[in-house]
Protein backbone atom coordinates (compact mmCIF):
# COMPACT_ATOMS: atom_id res chain seq x y z
CA MET A 1 96.25 66.50 156.37
CA ASP A 2 92.90 67.51 157.56
CA LEU A 3 91.07 67.26 160.45
CA GLN A 4 89.80 63.91 160.28
CA ASP A 5 92.98 62.52 159.68
CA PHE A 6 94.28 64.82 162.54
CA LEU A 7 91.14 63.11 164.79
CA ASP A 8 91.91 59.49 163.85
CA HIS A 9 95.66 60.26 164.75
CA VAL A 10 94.68 61.30 168.08
CA GLY A 11 92.55 58.72 168.32
CA ALA A 12 94.61 56.26 168.32
CA ARG A 13 96.96 57.66 170.96
CA ARG A 14 99.40 58.03 168.46
CA LEU A 15 102.66 60.47 168.96
CA LEU A 16 102.31 63.89 167.37
CA GLU A 17 106.06 64.73 167.35
CA ALA A 18 107.69 68.33 166.55
CA GLY A 19 107.76 69.21 163.58
CA SER A 20 105.37 66.41 162.03
CA PRO A 21 102.63 67.26 159.38
CA ALA A 22 100.39 66.58 162.23
CA HIS A 23 102.02 68.55 164.64
CA ALA A 24 101.47 71.55 162.23
CA PHE A 25 97.97 70.72 161.51
CA LEU A 26 97.24 71.30 165.65
CA HIS A 27 99.19 74.81 165.24
CA ASP A 28 97.18 75.95 162.68
CA ALA A 29 93.81 74.73 163.72
CA ALA A 30 94.33 76.71 167.01
CA GLN A 31 95.18 80.17 165.31
CA GLU A 32 91.28 79.70 164.40
CA ALA A 33 90.36 78.37 167.79
CA MET A 34 91.84 81.60 169.01
CA ARG A 35 90.27 83.76 167.32
CA VAL A 36 87.12 82.40 167.88
CA GLY A 37 88.38 83.03 171.76
CA ALA A 38 88.70 86.38 171.08
CA GLU A 39 85.66 86.69 169.84
CA LEU A 40 83.89 85.03 172.45
CA ASN A 41 85.92 86.53 175.57
CA THR A 42 86.10 90.08 174.36
CA GLY A 43 82.85 92.15 175.16
CA TYR A 44 79.17 90.73 176.46
CA ARG A 45 77.58 87.95 174.19
CA THR A 46 74.18 86.47 175.05
CA PRO A 47 74.13 83.23 175.69
CA ASP A 48 72.52 82.40 172.31
CA GLU A 49 75.61 83.70 170.99
CA VAL A 50 77.89 82.24 172.83
CA ARG A 51 76.29 78.97 172.33
CA ALA A 52 76.62 79.60 168.32
CA LEU A 53 80.78 80.74 168.74
CA LEU A 54 81.14 77.37 170.52
CA SER A 55 79.20 75.61 167.17
CA ARG A 56 82.23 77.37 165.59
CA LEU A 57 84.81 76.36 167.75
CA THR A 58 83.44 72.96 167.54
CA GLY A 59 82.65 72.50 164.21
CA ARG A 60 79.16 70.75 165.25
CA PRO A 61 76.10 72.19 166.65
CA VAL A 62 75.70 73.10 170.31
CA HIS A 63 72.24 72.14 171.80
CA GLU A 64 70.70 75.21 173.10
CA SER A 65 70.71 74.14 176.92
CA VAL A 66 74.19 74.69 177.43
CA THR A 67 75.48 77.41 179.34
CA LEU A 68 78.95 78.86 179.40
CA PHE A 69 80.25 81.43 181.05
CA PRO A 70 83.30 83.70 179.24
CA PRO A 71 85.77 83.90 179.35
CA PHE A 72 86.60 80.65 178.36
CA HIS A 73 89.84 79.51 176.34
CA CYS A 74 90.27 76.32 174.43
CA GLU A 75 93.50 75.49 171.91
CA PHE A 76 91.88 73.15 169.48
CA GLY A 77 87.87 73.11 169.72
CA LYS A 78 87.65 70.24 167.01
CA ASN A 79 87.81 67.63 169.60
CA LEU A 80 85.48 69.06 172.34
CA THR A 81 81.76 67.26 172.90
CA LEU A 82 79.64 68.92 175.43
CA GLY A 83 76.23 67.15 176.15
CA ARG A 84 73.19 68.38 176.87
CA ASP A 85 72.24 70.79 180.38
CA VAL A 86 75.92 71.34 180.44
CA PHE A 87 77.41 74.22 182.40
CA VAL A 88 80.64 75.85 182.24
CA ASN A 89 81.46 78.63 184.45
CA MET A 90 83.84 81.20 184.20
CA GLY A 91 87.58 81.04 183.62
CA CYS A 92 88.36 77.54 182.13
CA ARG A 93 90.67 76.34 179.90
CA PHE A 94 90.29 72.80 177.73
CA GLN A 95 93.61 71.60 176.02
CA ASP A 96 90.79 69.44 173.91
CA ALA A 97 93.96 68.42 171.01
CA GLY A 98 93.03 64.79 172.66
CA GLY A 99 89.64 64.59 173.31
CA ILE A 100 87.08 65.88 175.91
CA SER A 101 83.75 64.77 176.50
CA VAL A 102 81.34 66.40 178.66
CA GLY A 103 78.46 64.46 179.86
CA ASP A 104 75.00 65.47 179.84
CA GLY A 105 74.04 67.66 183.33
CA SER A 106 77.35 68.01 184.15
CA LEU A 107 78.93 71.28 186.55
CA ILE A 108 82.24 72.69 185.67
CA GLY A 109 83.50 74.88 188.28
CA HIS A 110 85.41 78.53 188.05
CA GLY A 111 88.44 77.98 186.72
CA CYS A 112 89.06 74.51 185.96
CA THR A 113 91.39 73.24 183.77
CA VAL A 114 90.99 69.92 181.46
CA VAL A 115 94.66 68.63 179.17
CA THR A 116 94.55 65.89 176.63
CA LEU A 117 98.03 66.03 175.63
CA ASN A 118 102.08 64.92 177.69
CA HIS A 119 104.91 66.37 176.51
CA ALA A 120 107.82 64.02 175.56
CA SER A 121 109.93 63.35 179.29
CA ASP A 122 113.28 63.19 177.02
CA PRO A 123 114.44 66.62 177.09
CA ALA A 124 115.52 66.33 173.39
CA ARG A 125 111.98 65.46 172.29
CA ARG A 126 110.35 67.55 174.50
CA GLY A 127 108.10 69.05 171.81
CA ASP A 128 106.62 66.04 170.96
CA MET A 129 103.50 65.16 172.67
CA LEU A 130 101.19 62.19 173.47
CA PRO A 131 97.40 62.84 173.00
CA ALA A 132 95.15 61.10 175.49
CA PRO A 133 91.33 62.17 176.04
CA VAL A 134 89.74 62.76 178.68
CA VAL A 135 86.02 62.01 179.61
CA ILE A 136 83.73 63.63 181.83
CA GLY A 137 80.28 61.20 182.47
CA ARG A 138 77.05 62.82 183.00
CA LYS A 139 75.89 64.76 186.32
CA VAL A 140 79.62 65.07 187.19
CA TRP A 141 80.65 68.07 189.08
CA LEU A 142 83.82 69.45 189.00
CA GLY A 143 84.43 72.24 191.65
CA ALA A 144 86.69 75.18 191.50
CA ALA A 145 89.74 75.36 190.09
CA VAL A 146 89.87 71.43 188.92
CA THR A 147 92.72 70.20 186.86
CA VAL A 148 92.36 67.43 185.10
CA VAL A 149 95.15 65.34 183.71
CA PRO A 150 95.64 63.38 179.89
CA GLY A 151 94.09 60.15 180.07
CA VAL A 152 91.16 60.40 182.77
CA THR A 153 87.59 59.20 183.15
CA ILE A 154 85.51 60.73 185.87
CA GLY A 155 82.06 58.30 186.24
CA ASP A 156 78.52 60.09 185.62
CA GLY A 157 78.18 61.39 189.27
CA ALA A 158 80.72 61.86 190.89
CA ILE A 159 82.23 65.00 192.80
CA VAL A 160 85.89 66.50 192.41
CA GLY A 161 86.68 69.07 195.27
CA ALA A 162 87.82 72.33 194.57
CA GLY A 163 91.41 72.71 193.67
CA ALA A 164 91.82 68.76 193.11
CA VAL A 165 94.07 67.53 190.64
CA VAL A 166 92.73 64.85 188.81
CA THR A 167 95.62 62.02 188.01
CA ARG A 168 93.58 58.69 188.03
CA ASP A 169 89.87 57.81 187.03
CA VAL A 170 87.52 58.37 189.05
CA PRO A 171 84.62 56.00 190.09
CA PRO A 172 81.24 56.94 189.57
CA ASP A 173 79.08 58.48 192.34
CA THR A 174 81.94 59.36 194.67
CA VAL A 175 83.63 62.60 196.05
CA VAL A 176 87.05 63.14 195.71
CA ALA A 177 89.38 65.58 196.46
CA GLY A 178 93.13 67.13 196.84
CA VAL A 179 96.10 66.97 195.25
CA PRO A 180 96.47 64.10 194.10
CA ALA A 181 92.61 63.38 194.12
CA ARG A 182 91.56 60.65 196.12
CA VAL A 183 88.48 58.95 196.84
CA LEU A 184 86.18 60.17 200.36
CA ARG A 185 83.38 58.72 200.30
CA PRO A 186 80.06 58.26 198.05
CA THR A 187 77.97 60.62 196.90
CA GLY A 188 75.46 58.55 198.30
CA PHE A 189 73.83 59.71 195.35
CA CYS A 190 73.12 57.29 192.04
CA SER A 191 73.56 59.06 188.83
CA THR A 192 71.07 56.61 187.09
CA ASP A 193 68.32 58.49 189.54
CA GLY A 194 66.30 61.05 188.13
């Protein structure tokens, strides 16, 4: 199995069976992601060096407007897309094997966790994983310590309050908070405005 085969597999939301070629590919790829992460998280790195390491991690160029403050942990890397003017604060953890997309102008607060794989409920099959992508729209703000679970889309301009656990889609231009996150009110702004 190669990278494109794996991306096609998870893109179709097909089960990653424990011990399968797709599962083995994920574990092997995680080793490279951990190597890049170790470089990123040990010692000071200039913003340009951080972006170069993110480009190695994701396998694609990262725009010069992206800012990330280490430490940052990512278990796969090759299914992570960061838009322009994205800011990721310290201590974030992205499990991107199922696909994470962060839209232009979004802010990801300290210690956020974004996950894209669920394990099987059956204890005999607990090693199996079901991928589901997370889409974070444009101009989204995730407060500190937010957790986003697999399969969630957060609409453009939304604000997610600190400590929230996002278990379902968030409409554009709304404020959500809590565990599980619930809509509190509109932001009062339209994400398509300047």
